[in-house]
Protein backbone atom coordinates (compact mmCIF):
# COMPACT_ATOMS: atom_id res chain seq x y z
CA MET A 1 -11.01 77.98 -14.78
CA THR A 2 -9.20 77.03 -11.67
CA ARG A 3 -7.60 73.71 -11.62
CA HIS A 4 -8.33 71.43 -8.70
CA LYS A 5 -5.28 69.92 -7.23
CA VAL A 6 -5.68 66.60 -5.19
CA GLU A 7 -2.52 64.91 -3.87
CA ILE A 8 -2.11 61.27 -2.98
CA CYS A 9 1.15 59.78 -1.77
CA GLY A 10 2.61 63.23 -2.88
CA VAL A 11 1.35 62.75 -6.43
CA ASP A 12 -0.76 65.74 -8.09
CA THR A 13 -3.42 63.66 -9.66
CA SER A 14 -4.48 66.36 -11.88
CA THR A 15 -1.16 66.03 -13.94
CA LEU A 16 -1.24 62.24 -14.42
CA PRO A 17 -0.83 61.21 -18.03
CA VAL A 18 -3.18 59.06 -19.96
CA LEU A 19 -1.81 56.65 -22.71
CA LYS A 20 -3.71 55.78 -25.80
CA ASN A 21 -3.79 52.06 -26.76
CA ASP A 22 -1.31 52.40 -29.48
CA GLU A 23 1.14 54.18 -27.09
CA MET A 24 0.65 51.22 -24.57
CA ARG A 25 1.51 48.63 -27.25
CA ILE A 26 4.79 50.44 -28.13
CA LEU A 27 5.69 50.73 -24.53
CA PHE A 28 4.88 47.24 -23.82
CA LYS A 29 7.08 45.86 -26.75
CA LYS A 30 9.95 48.00 -25.46
CA MET A 31 9.56 46.90 -21.83
CA GLN A 32 9.43 43.25 -22.87
CA ALA A 33 12.62 43.94 -24.72
CA GLY A 34 14.42 44.97 -21.28
CA ASP A 35 13.56 48.74 -21.42
CA LEU A 36 12.88 49.69 -17.73
CA ALA A 37 12.25 53.36 -18.67
CA ALA A 38 9.40 52.19 -20.72
CA ARG A 39 8.04 50.15 -17.77
CA GLU A 40 8.12 53.15 -15.62
CA GLU A 41 6.23 55.19 -18.21
CA LEU A 42 3.46 52.30 -18.42
CA VAL A 43 3.09 52.61 -14.53
CA ASN A 44 2.72 56.33 -14.63
CA GLY A 45 0.41 56.26 -17.48
CA ASN A 46 -1.82 53.96 -15.76
CA LEU A 47 -2.00 55.57 -12.25
CA ARG A 48 -5.33 56.93 -13.02
CA LEU A 49 -6.66 53.26 -13.13
CA VAL A 50 -5.48 52.77 -9.70
CA LEU A 51 -7.38 55.86 -8.56
CA SER A 52 -10.63 54.76 -10.19
CA VAL A 53 -10.39 51.51 -8.57
CA ILE A 54 -9.68 52.69 -4.87
CA GLN A 55 -12.68 55.05 -4.99
CA ARG A 56 -14.78 51.95 -4.47
CA PHE A 57 -13.03 51.26 -1.20
CA ASN A 58 -13.56 54.65 0.13
CA ASN A 59 -16.15 53.55 2.94
CA ARG A 60 -13.63 51.07 4.31
CA GLY A 61 -12.03 53.55 6.65
CA GLU A 62 -8.74 52.97 5.16
CA TYR A 63 -6.29 55.82 4.31
CA GLY A 64 -6.30 56.62 0.64
CA ASP A 65 -2.61 56.80 0.50
CA ASP A 66 -2.31 53.24 1.72
CA LEU A 67 -4.88 51.88 -0.58
CA PHE A 68 -3.10 53.78 -3.58
CA GLN A 69 0.30 52.33 -2.70
CA VAL A 70 -1.26 48.73 -2.61
CA GLY A 71 -3.11 49.36 -5.79
CA CYS A 72 0.11 50.47 -7.48
CA ILE A 73 1.74 47.02 -6.52
CA GLY A 74 -1.38 45.22 -8.34
CA LEU A 75 -0.89 47.74 -11.27
CA MET A 76 2.73 46.74 -11.63
CA LYS A 77 2.12 43.00 -11.27
CA SER A 78 -0.50 43.43 -14.10
CA ILE A 79 2.01 45.39 -16.35
CA ASP A 80 4.79 42.58 -15.70
CA ASN A 81 2.34 39.72 -16.61
CA PHE A 82 0.30 41.28 -19.40
CA ASP A 83 0.28 39.21 -22.65
CA LEU A 84 0.09 41.35 -25.80
CA SER A 85 -0.88 38.50 -27.89
CA GLN A 86 -4.13 38.13 -26.21
CA ASN A 87 -7.08 40.15 -27.65
CA VAL A 88 -7.73 41.87 -24.22
CA LYS A 89 -7.54 45.58 -23.09
CA PHE A 90 -4.96 46.31 -20.49
CA SER A 91 -7.47 47.92 -18.25
CA THR A 92 -9.76 44.83 -18.55
CA TYR A 93 -6.85 42.68 -17.30
CA ALA A 94 -5.36 45.15 -14.83
CA VAL A 95 -8.51 46.13 -12.89
CA PRO A 96 -9.21 42.74 -11.31
CA MET A 97 -5.51 42.35 -10.08
CA ILE A 98 -5.57 45.72 -8.71
CA ILE A 99 -8.75 44.92 -6.95
CA GLY A 100 -7.44 41.65 -5.75
CA GLU A 101 -4.22 43.14 -4.35
CA ILE A 102 -6.29 45.77 -2.27
CA ARG A 103 -8.69 42.95 -0.94
CA ARG A 104 -5.81 40.88 0.03
CA TYR A 105 -4.38 43.98 2.01
CA LEU A 106 -7.81 44.50 3.63
CA ARG A 107 -8.06 40.98 4.53
CA ASP A 108 -4.57 40.90 6.24
CA ASN A 109 -5.78 43.89 8.26
CA ASN A 110 -9.28 42.68 8.99
CA PRO A 111 -10.13 42.37 12.65
CA ILE A 112 -12.35 39.25 12.05
CA ARG A 113 -10.07 36.27 12.69
CA VAL A 114 -9.97 33.42 10.11
CA SER A 115 -7.98 30.34 10.89
CA ARG A 116 -4.44 30.39 9.54
CA SER A 117 -5.01 26.92 7.57
CA LEU A 118 -8.02 28.59 5.67
CA ARG A 119 -6.03 31.81 5.01
CA ASP A 120 -3.21 29.76 3.65
CA ILE A 121 -5.38 27.74 1.31
CA ALA A 122 -7.10 30.82 0.16
CA TYR A 123 -4.06 32.95 -0.37
CA LYS A 124 -2.55 30.07 -2.39
CA ALA A 125 -5.76 29.64 -4.50
CA LEU A 126 -5.55 33.40 -5.26
CA GLN A 127 -1.96 33.07 -6.59
CA VAL A 128 -3.06 30.28 -8.68
CA ARG A 129 -5.99 32.02 -10.03
CA GLU A 130 -3.73 35.03 -11.13
CA LYS A 131 -1.43 32.43 -12.85
CA LEU A 132 -4.28 30.98 -14.69
CA ILE A 133 -5.66 34.35 -15.63
CA SER A 134 -2.18 35.12 -16.84
CA LYS A 135 -1.95 31.77 -18.84
CA THR A 136 -5.51 31.82 -20.29
CA SER A 137 -6.74 35.47 -20.11
CA LYS A 138 -9.93 34.35 -18.53
CA GLU A 139 -11.35 33.80 -15.05
CA PRO A 140 -10.69 30.07 -13.85
CA THR A 141 -13.43 28.20 -12.20
CA PRO A 142 -13.04 27.00 -8.61
CA MET A 143 -12.70 23.34 -9.94
CA GLU A 144 -9.85 24.49 -12.15
CA ILE A 145 -8.05 26.08 -9.24
CA ALA A 146 -8.80 22.96 -7.07
CA GLU A 147 -7.09 20.70 -9.86
CA GLU A 148 -4.22 22.91 -10.21
CA MET A 149 -3.59 22.95 -6.43
CA GLY A 150 -4.39 19.24 -6.13
CA ILE A 151 -7.21 19.62 -3.42
CA SER A 152 -10.83 19.16 -3.35
CA HIS A 153 -13.22 21.54 -4.86
CA SER A 154 -15.08 21.98 -1.59
CA GLU A 155 -11.90 22.98 0.36
CA ILE A 156 -11.36 25.71 -2.16
CA VAL A 157 -14.92 27.15 -1.88
CA PHE A 158 -14.78 26.82 1.93
CA ALA A 159 -11.48 28.59 2.16
CA MET A 160 -12.59 31.38 -0.31
CA ASP A 161 -15.83 31.94 1.33
CA ALA A 162 -14.13 32.48 4.84
CA ILE A 163 -12.13 35.51 3.49
CA GLN A 164 -14.73 37.10 1.24
CA ASP A 165 -16.43 40.52 2.34
CA PRO A 166 -20.09 40.89 1.21
CA VAL A 167 -20.42 42.89 -2.07
CA SER A 168 -23.48 44.42 -3.49
CA LEU A 169 -24.62 43.31 -6.99
CA PHE A 170 -24.88 46.87 -8.00
CA GLU A 171 -21.44 47.81 -6.86
CA PRO A 172 -19.50 49.23 -9.83
CA ILE A 173 -16.40 47.28 -10.66
CA TYR A 174 -14.95 49.84 -13.31
CA ASN A 175 -15.86 52.91 -15.10
CA ASP A 176 -13.76 54.16 -18.01
CA GLY A 177 -15.90 57.23 -18.68
CA GLY A 178 -18.97 55.48 -20.13
CA ASP A 179 -21.52 53.19 -18.51
CA PRO A 180 -20.22 51.51 -15.29
CA ILE A 181 -19.81 47.88 -15.18
CA PHE A 182 -21.43 46.37 -12.09
CA VAL A 183 -20.90 43.13 -10.10
CA MET A 184 -24.16 41.71 -11.56
CA ASP A 185 -22.83 42.08 -15.06
CA GLN A 186 -20.10 39.45 -14.38
CA LEU A 187 -22.70 36.86 -13.16
CA SER A 188 -23.93 33.92 -15.19
CA ASP A 189 -27.76 33.09 -15.01
CA ASN A 190 -28.18 29.38 -14.23
CA LYS A 191 -31.82 29.29 -13.49
CA ASP A 192 -34.09 26.27 -14.47
CA LYS A 193 -35.30 27.35 -17.87
CA ASP A 194 -38.57 24.97 -17.33
CA SER A 195 -39.64 26.96 -14.43
CA THR A 196 -39.19 30.37 -16.05
CA TRP A 197 -40.67 29.62 -19.53
CA LEU A 198 -43.37 32.10 -19.24
CA ASP A 199 -40.81 34.98 -18.49
CA ASN A 200 -38.67 33.78 -21.37
CA LEU A 201 -41.63 33.73 -23.84
CA SER A 202 -42.48 37.41 -22.88
CA LEU A 203 -38.79 38.19 -23.49
CA LYS A 204 -38.75 36.61 -26.82
CA GLU A 205 -41.85 38.38 -27.98
CA GLY A 206 -40.27 41.77 -26.94
CA MET A 207 -37.03 40.87 -28.85
CA GLN A 208 -38.75 40.73 -32.13
CA ARG A 209 -38.16 44.48 -33.12
CA LEU A 210 -34.54 44.42 -32.10
CA ASN A 211 -31.62 44.08 -34.66
CA GLU A 212 -29.81 41.07 -35.02
CA ARG A 213 -26.77 41.85 -32.89
CA GLU A 214 -29.08 42.94 -29.96
CA LYS A 215 -30.95 39.80 -30.31
CA MET A 216 -27.80 37.86 -30.28
CA ILE A 217 -26.58 39.71 -27.13
CA LEU A 218 -29.73 39.32 -25.23
CA ASN A 219 -29.96 35.62 -26.21
CA LYS A 220 -26.44 34.87 -25.01
CA ARG A 221 -26.88 36.82 -21.75
CA PHE A 222 -30.42 35.87 -20.67
CA PHE A 223 -31.16 32.48 -22.45
CA GLN A 224 -27.65 30.99 -22.44
CA GLY A 225 -26.78 32.46 -19.11
CA LYS A 226 -23.25 34.04 -20.15
CA THR A 227 -21.54 36.88 -18.72
CA GLN A 228 -20.90 40.21 -20.38
CA MET A 229 -17.21 39.31 -20.70
CA GLU A 230 -17.99 35.81 -22.42
CA VAL A 231 -20.24 37.57 -24.89
CA ALA A 232 -17.73 40.35 -25.71
CA GLU A 233 -15.05 37.62 -26.36
CA GLU A 234 -17.49 35.44 -28.71
CA ILE A 235 -18.56 38.52 -30.85
CA GLY A 236 -15.31 40.51 -30.71
CA ILE A 237 -16.32 43.77 -29.10
CA SER A 238 -15.41 45.27 -25.65
CA GLN A 239 -17.49 44.36 -22.49
CA ALA A 240 -18.37 48.16 -22.22
CA GLN A 241 -19.90 47.93 -25.58
CA VAL A 242 -21.80 44.63 -24.74
CA SER A 243 -23.10 46.57 -21.63
CA ARG A 244 -24.23 49.58 -23.52
CA LEU A 245 -25.98 47.43 -26.37
CA GLU A 246 -27.67 45.30 -23.77
CA LYS A 247 -28.95 48.34 -21.85
CA ALA A 248 -30.16 49.97 -25.05
CA ALA A 249 -32.02 46.75 -26.24
CA ILE A 250 -33.77 46.29 -22.74
CA GLN A 251 -34.86 49.94 -22.95
CA GLU A 252 -36.25 49.33 -26.51
CA MET A 253 -38.10 46.24 -25.33
CA ASN A 254 -39.67 47.93 -22.43
CA LYS A 255 -40.83 50.55 -24.98
CA GLU A 256 -42.48 48.13 -27.11
CA MET A 257 -43.98 46.06 -24.46
CA PHE A 258 -45.18 48.68 -22.21
CA GLU A 259 -46.12 51.70 -24.01
């Protein structure tokens, strides 16, 4: 079978290596001990991650080579700041940083003008956000960012809103070969439970035939309003596994409730 060769920035993407988790850990330990060759190997072994991220920006009219180079900057930052002691997959940590680097590039080249003071606040907030993620391995709230910067919560929200592009809830954030993770999977549900008690009752009835882990995941997701990442951290599995279990449980509930 003919091998399809696709080049980006002079790199033949069909020949890019893929590192296993145990290989990554060994390389990270070597790099953190001062081995620059290990760092280079980590970069080369994760270029496919950059390629998977830049695909979501294909409709922006930007050159793929430019986005790839910017994404590589985000990849190198995530490699340099990754904490092996945290129970987090490297891809889970790196993808948001790569996306953030590309979004910053797109904002800097955006023809819509935003005031310099707002841009400065927003960019400083993004830097603080990355620092807090590196420190705590979780997404900080706007309030936490505001406290770190010593300014009001409303200033942070206003500045960040001013530089944001609209994003579909069904836009995939990352796909590692299994089910994709969508924007909506990252959102908490803060609805007033008193006003939705009938929907909740129907859900509870449909959950009766699920196993205990499926019940626990749906309870945390739809009754406690937690994100898939939060659920994954609590029960000790990956976010992709939570996504698959959640979808399988909902399909089973639909089968029981509507057949």
